[in-house]
Amino acid sequence: MSQRSIIRHMNSYPKKGGPIQRIIPPGDNKHRLVCEQCGYIQYDNPKIVVGVVATWKNKILLCKRAIEPRTGYWTLPAGYLELNEGTEDGAKREAKEEAGAELKLNALLAVYNIQRLSQVQIIYRADLINDKICPGAESESVTLFPITDIPWKNLAFPSVSWAIKQHDSVKGLSVFPPFTNPHGESGDY
């Protein structure tokens, strides 16, 4: 990799022109991109995904993806947390962007670890304020499904299935501990 392309990968690199190398910095145990000139260390950290299992009259809101990965498959309203945004605000924003949904969060449902993607997924349980939903730019369509009609074989990601099933298992409970990955599940297809 050329020095120019390495610097391009250092998103918050404070100075220009210093030689970059991939080393294990003193006191660390992982290789990092480090500037020899100023000592700046580029840390690559996991991405945070926020989303919701949102319901209206016992029906679950799903969005049919209009973007890769998994175009044409069903998912929960979810996406990457933005800088300087709280997880609850991010979950509400994603529901609005992907499904035109206004909602009220009522509990943290789950925190999933998808290690192969370096993702942490934070999923909330929510009630729709009304049934006025519409597809956003990233959704082909949006639908409210009774649990019996969920298109299980056409869900985009394993964590979507986990969240729906775990949501169903605590239906009617106002207090419960947040779920994590089901035993032995890593999010691989």
C-alpha atoms as a PDB file:
ATOM      1  CA  MET A   1       0.000   0.000   0.000  1.00  0.00           C
ATOM      2  CA  SER A   2       1.425   3.392  -0.920  1.00  0.00           C
ATOM      3  CA  GLN A   3       1.954   6.082   1.720  1.00  0.00           C
ATOM      4  CA  ARG A   4      -0.718   8.217   0.012  1.00  0.00           C
ATOM      5  CA  SER A   5      -3.341   5.472   0.307  1.00  0.00           C
ATOM      6  CA  ILE A   6      -2.323   4.768   3.928  1.00  0.00           C
ATOM      7  CA  ILE A   7      -2.787   8.424   4.860  1.00  0.00           C
ATOM      8  CA  ARG A   8      -6.188   8.416   3.153  1.00  0.00           C
ATOM      9  CA  HIS A   9      -7.181   5.630   5.580  1.00  0.00           C
ATOM     10  CA  MET A  10      -6.126   7.689   8.585  1.00  0.00           C
ATOM     11  CA  ASN A  11      -9.435   9.531   8.906  1.00  0.00           C
ATOM     12  CA  SER A  12      -8.403  11.958  11.620  1.00  0.00           C
ATOM     13  CA  TYR A  13      -4.697  12.245  10.879  1.00  0.00           C
ATOM     14  CA  PRO A  14      -3.626  15.610  12.392  1.00  0.00           C
ATOM     15  CA  LYS A  15      -0.485  16.366  10.334  1.00  0.00           C
ATOM     16  CA  LYS A  16       0.463  15.759   6.719  1.00  0.00           C
ATOM     17  CA  GLY A  17       3.648  14.326   5.358  1.00  0.00           C
ATOM     18  CA  GLY A  18       4.927  12.166   8.195  1.00  0.00           C
ATOM     19  CA  PRO A  19       6.048   8.628   7.380  1.00  0.00           C
ATOM     20  CA  ILE A  20       3.313   6.153   8.308  1.00  0.00           C
ATOM     21  CA  GLN A  21       4.007   2.617   9.419  1.00  0.00           C
ATOM     22  CA  ARG A  22       1.951  -0.244  10.805  1.00  0.00           C
ATOM     23  CA  ILE A  23       3.483  -1.153  14.164  1.00  0.00           C
ATOM     24  CA  ILE A  24       2.503  -2.219  17.658  1.00  0.00           C
ATOM     25  CA  PRO A  25       2.835   1.000  19.684  1.00  0.00           C
ATOM     26  CA  PRO A  26       4.496   0.826  23.115  1.00  0.00           C
ATOM     27  CA  GLY A  27       2.023  -0.423  25.729  1.00  0.00           C
ATOM     28  CA  ASP A  28      -0.364  -1.792  23.068  1.00  0.00           C
ATOM     29  CA  ASN A  29      -0.904  -5.309  21.731  1.00  0.00           C
ATOM     30  CA  LYS A  30      -2.286  -4.671  18.230  1.00  0.00           C
ATOM     31  CA  HIS A  31      -0.798  -3.314  15.026  1.00  0.00           C
ATOM     32  CA  ARG A  32      -1.858   0.284  14.384  1.00  0.00           C
ATOM     33  CA  LEU A  33      -1.066   2.943  11.781  1.00  0.00           C
ATOM     34  CA  VAL A  34       1.415   5.301  13.451  1.00  0.00           C
ATOM     35  CA  CYS A  35       3.025   8.520  12.234  1.00  0.00           C
ATOM     36  CA  GLU A  36       6.781   8.392  12.855  1.00  0.00           C
ATOM     37  CA  GLN A  37       6.958  12.209  12.833  1.00  0.00           C
ATOM     38  CA  CYS A  38       4.322  13.177  15.409  1.00  0.00           C
ATOM     39  CA  GLY A  39       3.472   9.846  17.069  1.00  0.00           C
ATOM     40  CA  TYR A  40      -0.225  10.013  16.110  1.00  0.00           C
ATOM     41  CA  ILE A  41      -1.888   6.582  16.354  1.00  0.00           C
ATOM     42  CA  GLN A  42      -4.903   5.698  14.193  1.00  0.00           C
ATOM     43  CA  TYR A  43      -7.263   3.412  16.131  1.00  0.00           C
ATOM     44  CA  ASP A  44      -9.758   1.440  14.077  1.00  0.00           C
ATOM     45  CA  ASN A  45     -12.763   0.691  16.277  1.00  0.00           C
ATOM     46  CA  PRO A  46     -16.000  -1.243  15.790  1.00  0.00           C
ATOM     47  CA  LYS A  47     -18.996   0.354  14.099  1.00  0.00           C
ATOM     48  CA  ILE A  48     -22.140   0.886  16.157  1.00  0.00           C
ATOM     49  CA  VAL A  49     -25.468  -0.042  14.561  1.00  0.00           C
ATOM     50  CA  VAL A  50     -28.719   1.140  16.162  1.00  0.00           C
ATOM     51  CA  GLY A  51     -32.206  -0.060  15.366  1.00  0.00           C
ATOM     52  CA  VAL A  52     -35.662  -0.940  16.611  1.00  0.00           C
ATOM     53  CA  VAL A  53     -38.247  -3.665  16.751  1.00  0.00           C
ATOM     54  CA  ALA A  54     -41.219  -1.324  16.372  1.00  0.00           C
ATOM     55  CA  THR A  55     -44.824  -2.465  16.660  1.00  0.00           C
ATOM     56  CA  TRP A  56     -48.309  -1.222  15.876  1.00  0.00           C
ATOM     57  CA  LYS A  57     -51.238  -3.288  17.192  1.00  0.00           C
ATOM     58  CA  ASN A  58     -49.070  -6.427  17.587  1.00  0.00           C
ATOM     59  CA  LYS A  59     -47.608  -6.082  14.094  1.00  0.00           C
ATOM     60  CA  ILE A  60     -43.866  -5.662  13.531  1.00  0.00           C
ATOM     61  CA  LEU A  61     -42.461  -3.025  11.190  1.00  0.00           C
ATOM     62  CA  LEU A  62     -40.074  -4.380   8.554  1.00  0.00           C
ATOM     63  CA  CYS A  63     -38.336  -2.628   5.684  1.00  0.00           C
ATOM     64  CA  LYS A  64     -37.449  -4.279   2.374  1.00  0.00           C
ATOM     65  CA  ARG A  65     -33.882  -3.203   1.597  1.00  0.00           C
ATOM     66  CA  ALA A  66     -33.263  -1.095  -1.508  1.00  0.00           C
ATOM     67  CA  ILE A  67     -29.493  -1.028  -0.952  1.00  0.00           C
ATOM     68  CA  GLU A  68     -26.656  -3.498  -0.602  1.00  0.00           C
ATOM     69  CA  PRO A  69     -25.928  -5.577   1.237  1.00  0.00           C
ATOM     70  CA  ARG A  70     -28.937  -7.872   0.852  1.00  0.00           C
ATOM     71  CA  THR A  71     -31.100  -5.776  -1.474  1.00  0.00           C
ATOM     72  CA  GLY A  72     -34.662  -7.109  -1.586  1.00  0.00           C
ATOM     73  CA  TYR A  73     -34.496  -8.765   1.834  1.00  0.00           C
ATOM     74  CA  TRP A  74     -36.455  -7.666   4.904  1.00  0.00           C
ATOM     75  CA  THR A  75     -34.853  -5.956   7.883  1.00  0.00           C
ATOM     76  CA  LEU A  76     -35.619  -3.879  10.923  1.00  0.00           C
ATOM     77  CA  PRO A  77     -35.203  -0.116  10.680  1.00  0.00           C
ATOM     78  CA  ALA A  78     -31.520   0.158  11.624  1.00  0.00           C
ATOM     79  CA  GLY A  79     -28.252   1.707  10.575  1.00  0.00           C
ATOM     80  CA  TYR A  80     -24.976   3.222  11.683  1.00  0.00           C
ATOM     81  CA  LEU A  81     -24.885   5.615  14.596  1.00  0.00           C
ATOM     82  CA  GLU A  82     -23.708   9.077  13.554  1.00  0.00           C
ATOM     83  CA  LEU A  83     -20.953  11.030  15.279  1.00  0.00           C
ATOM     84  CA  ASN A  84     -22.179  13.028  18.289  1.00  0.00           C
ATOM     85  CA  GLU A  85     -25.498  11.130  18.338  1.00  0.00           C
ATOM     86  CA  GLY A  86     -26.946   9.111  21.222  1.00  0.00           C
ATOM     87  CA  THR A  87     -28.093   5.556  20.575  1.00  0.00           C
ATOM     88  CA  GLU A  88     -31.754   6.311  21.275  1.00  0.00           C
ATOM     89  CA  ASP A  89     -31.765   9.326  18.955  1.00  0.00           C
ATOM     90  CA  GLY A  90     -29.985   7.264  16.300  1.00  0.00           C
ATOM     91  CA  ALA A  91     -32.571   4.479  16.501  1.00  0.00           C
ATOM     92  CA  LYS A  92     -35.413   7.001  16.128  1.00  0.00           C
ATOM     93  CA  ARG A  93     -33.636   8.693  13.200  1.00  0.00           C
ATOM     94  CA  GLU A  94     -33.118   5.388  11.383  1.00  0.00           C
ATOM     95  CA  ALA A  95     -36.824   4.486  11.792  1.00  0.00           C
ATOM     96  CA  LYS A  96     -37.795   7.882  10.374  1.00  0.00           C
ATOM     97  CA  GLU A  97     -35.311   7.691   7.470  1.00  0.00           C
ATOM     98  CA  GLU A  98     -36.055   4.105   6.441  1.00  0.00           C
ATOM     99  CA  ALA A  99     -39.780   3.836   7.176  1.00  0.00           C
ATOM    100  CA  GLY A 100     -41.140   7.344   7.813  1.00  0.00           C
ATOM    101  CA  ALA A 101     -41.951   6.020  11.286  1.00  0.00           C
ATOM    102  CA  GLU A 102     -42.561   8.089  14.389  1.00  0.00           C
ATOM    103  CA  LEU A 103     -42.027   6.007  17.477  1.00  0.00           C
ATOM    104  CA  LYS A 104     -41.628   5.886  21.223  1.00  0.00           C
ATOM    105  CA  LEU A 105     -38.805   3.744  22.573  1.00  0.00           C
ATOM    106  CA  ASN A 106     -39.777   1.722  25.619  1.00  0.00           C
ATOM    107  CA  ALA A 107     -36.833  -0.591  26.388  1.00  0.00           C
ATOM    108  CA  LEU A 108     -33.388  -1.710  25.360  1.00  0.00           C
ATOM    109  CA  LEU A 109     -34.058  -5.076  23.733  1.00  0.00           C
ATOM    110  CA  ALA A 110     -30.594  -6.383  22.833  1.00  0.00           C
ATOM    111  CA  VAL A 111     -26.915  -5.730  22.279  1.00  0.00           C
ATOM    112  CA  TYR A 112     -25.443  -8.015  19.614  1.00  0.00           C
ATOM    113  CA  ASN A 113     -21.793  -8.608  18.733  1.00  0.00           C
ATOM    114  CA  ILE A 114     -21.123  -9.302  15.057  1.00  0.00           C
ATOM    115  CA  GLN A 115     -17.380  -9.855  15.235  1.00  0.00           C
ATOM    116  CA  ARG A 116     -16.786 -10.717  11.562  1.00  0.00           C
ATOM    117  CA  LEU A 117     -18.024  -7.206  10.693  1.00  0.00           C
ATOM    118  CA  SER A 118     -16.583  -5.488  13.792  1.00  0.00           C
ATOM    119  CA  GLN A 119     -20.103  -4.326  14.664  1.00  0.00           C
ATOM    120  CA  VAL A 120     -21.986  -3.810  17.895  1.00  0.00           C
ATOM    121  CA  GLN A 121     -25.735  -3.684  17.272  1.00  0.00           C
ATOM    122  CA  ILE A 122     -27.945  -1.935  19.827  1.00  0.00           C
ATOM    123  CA  ILE A 123     -31.609  -2.759  19.295  1.00  0.00           C
ATOM    124  CA  TYR A 124     -34.506  -1.075  21.108  1.00  0.00           C
ATOM    125  CA  ARG A 125     -38.129  -2.096  21.553  1.00  0.00           C
ATOM    126  CA  ALA A 126     -40.530   0.627  20.418  1.00  0.00           C
ATOM    127  CA  ASP A 127     -44.174   1.434  19.786  1.00  0.00           C
ATOM    128  CA  LEU A 128     -45.186   3.284  16.643  1.00  0.00           C
ATOM    129  CA  ILE A 129     -47.016   6.516  17.437  1.00  0.00           C
ATOM    130  CA  ASN A 130     -49.260   5.933  14.407  1.00  0.00           C
ATOM    131  CA  ASP A 131     -49.417   3.599  11.427  1.00  0.00           C
ATOM    132  CA  LYS A 132     -48.315   6.229   8.904  1.00  0.00           C
ATOM    133  CA  ILE A 133     -45.258   4.537   7.399  1.00  0.00           C
ATOM    134  CA  CYS A 134     -43.631   4.913   3.997  1.00  0.00           C
ATOM    135  CA  PRO A 135     -40.405   3.721   2.411  1.00  0.00           C
ATOM    136  CA  GLY A 136     -37.391   5.990   2.648  1.00  0.00           C
ATOM    137  CA  ALA A 137     -34.483   6.146   0.203  1.00  0.00           C
ATOM    138  CA  GLU A 138     -32.951   2.907   1.520  1.00  0.00           C
ATOM    139  CA  SER A 139     -36.209   0.893   1.494  1.00  0.00           C
ATOM    140  CA  GLU A 140     -38.142  -0.609  -1.428  1.00  0.00           C
ATOM    141  CA  SER A 141     -41.207  -0.986   0.778  1.00  0.00           C
ATOM    142  CA  VAL A 142     -42.275  -1.093   4.422  1.00  0.00           C
ATOM    143  CA  THR A 143     -44.874  -3.379   5.947  1.00  0.00           C
ATOM    144  CA  LEU A 144     -46.424  -4.170   9.321  1.00  0.00           C
ATOM    145  CA  PHE A 145     -46.331  -7.958   9.732  1.00  0.00           C
ATOM    146  CA  PRO A 146     -48.147 -10.105  12.289  1.00  0.00           C
ATOM    147  CA  ILE A 147     -45.548 -12.428  13.853  1.00  0.00           C
ATOM    148  CA  THR A 148     -47.189 -15.370  12.045  1.00  0.00           C
ATOM    149  CA  ASP A 149     -46.533 -13.743   8.656  1.00  0.00           C
ATOM    150  CA  ILE A 150     -42.891 -12.684   9.142  1.00  0.00           C
ATOM    151  CA  PRO A 151     -40.968 -13.672   5.964  1.00  0.00           C
ATOM    152  CA  TRP A 152     -38.382 -15.657   7.985  1.00  0.00           C
ATOM    153  CA  LYS A 153     -36.549 -17.056   4.944  1.00  0.00           C
ATOM    154  CA  ASN A 154     -36.223 -13.579   3.445  1.00  0.00           C
ATOM    155  CA  LEU A 155     -34.746 -11.726   6.419  1.00  0.00           C
ATOM    156  CA  ALA A 156     -31.572  -9.842   5.559  1.00  0.00           C
ATOM    157  CA  PHE A 157     -29.419 -10.698   8.566  1.00  0.00           C
ATOM    158  CA  PRO A 158     -29.339 -13.249  11.403  1.00  0.00           C
ATOM    159  CA  SER A 159     -29.683 -10.499  14.019  1.00  0.00           C
ATOM    160  CA  VAL A 160     -33.050  -9.464  12.532  1.00  0.00           C
ATOM    161  CA  SER A 161     -34.410 -12.935  13.281  1.00  0.00           C
ATOM    162  CA  TRP A 162     -32.889 -12.931  16.769  1.00  0.00           C
ATOM    163  CA  ALA A 163     -34.403  -9.544  17.619  1.00  0.00           C
ATOM    164  CA  ILE A 164     -37.899 -10.456  16.407  1.00  0.00           C
ATOM    165  CA  LYS A 165     -37.901 -13.766  18.306  1.00  0.00           C
ATOM    166  CA  GLN A 166     -36.470 -12.189  21.463  1.00  0.00           C
ATOM    167  CA  HIS A 167     -39.003  -9.336  21.203  1.00  0.00           C
ATOM    168  CA  ASP A 168     -41.808 -11.876  20.976  1.00  0.00           C
ATOM    169  CA  SER A 169     -40.490 -13.747  24.032  1.00  0.00           C
ATOM    170  CA  VAL A 170     -40.834 -10.641  26.260  1.00  0.00           C
ATOM    171  CA  LYS A 171     -44.115  -9.383  24.824  1.00  0.00           C
ATOM    172  CA  GLY A 172     -46.141  -7.931  27.688  1.00  0.00           C
ATOM    173  CA  LEU A 173     -43.156  -7.505  30.017  1.00  0.00           C
ATOM    174  CA  SER A 174     -42.158  -3.971  30.940  1.00  0.00           C
ATOM    175  CA  VAL A 175     -38.873  -4.983  32.579  1.00  0.00           C
ATOM    176  CA  PHE A 176     -36.408  -7.606  31.339  1.00  0.00           C
ATOM    177  CA  PRO A 177     -32.635  -7.862  30.960  1.00  0.00           C
ATOM    178  CA  PRO A 178     -31.351  -6.997  27.484  1.00  0.00           C
ATOM    179  CA  PHE A 179     -30.588  -9.953  25.255  1.00  0.00           C
ATOM    180  CA  THR A 180     -27.291 -10.736  23.545  1.00  0.00           C
ATOM    181  CA  ASN A 181     -26.444 -13.114  20.697  1.00  0.00           C
ATOM    182  CA  PRO A 182     -28.255 -16.438  21.108  1.00  0.00           C
ATOM    183  CA  HIS A 183     -25.918 -19.131  22.451  1.00  0.00           C
ATOM    184  CA  GLY A 184     -23.421 -20.189  19.773  1.00  0.00           C
ATOM    185  CA  GLU A 185     -24.561 -17.545  17.269  1.00  0.00           C
ATOM    186  CA  SER A 186     -22.025 -15.129  15.810  1.00  0.00           C
ATOM    187  CA  GLY A 187     -24.058 -13.500  13.045  1.00  0.00           C
ATOM    188  CA  ASP A 188     -22.542 -15.585  10.248  1.00  0.00           C
ATOM    189  CA  TYR A 189     -24.903 -16.663   7.491  1.00  0.00           C
END
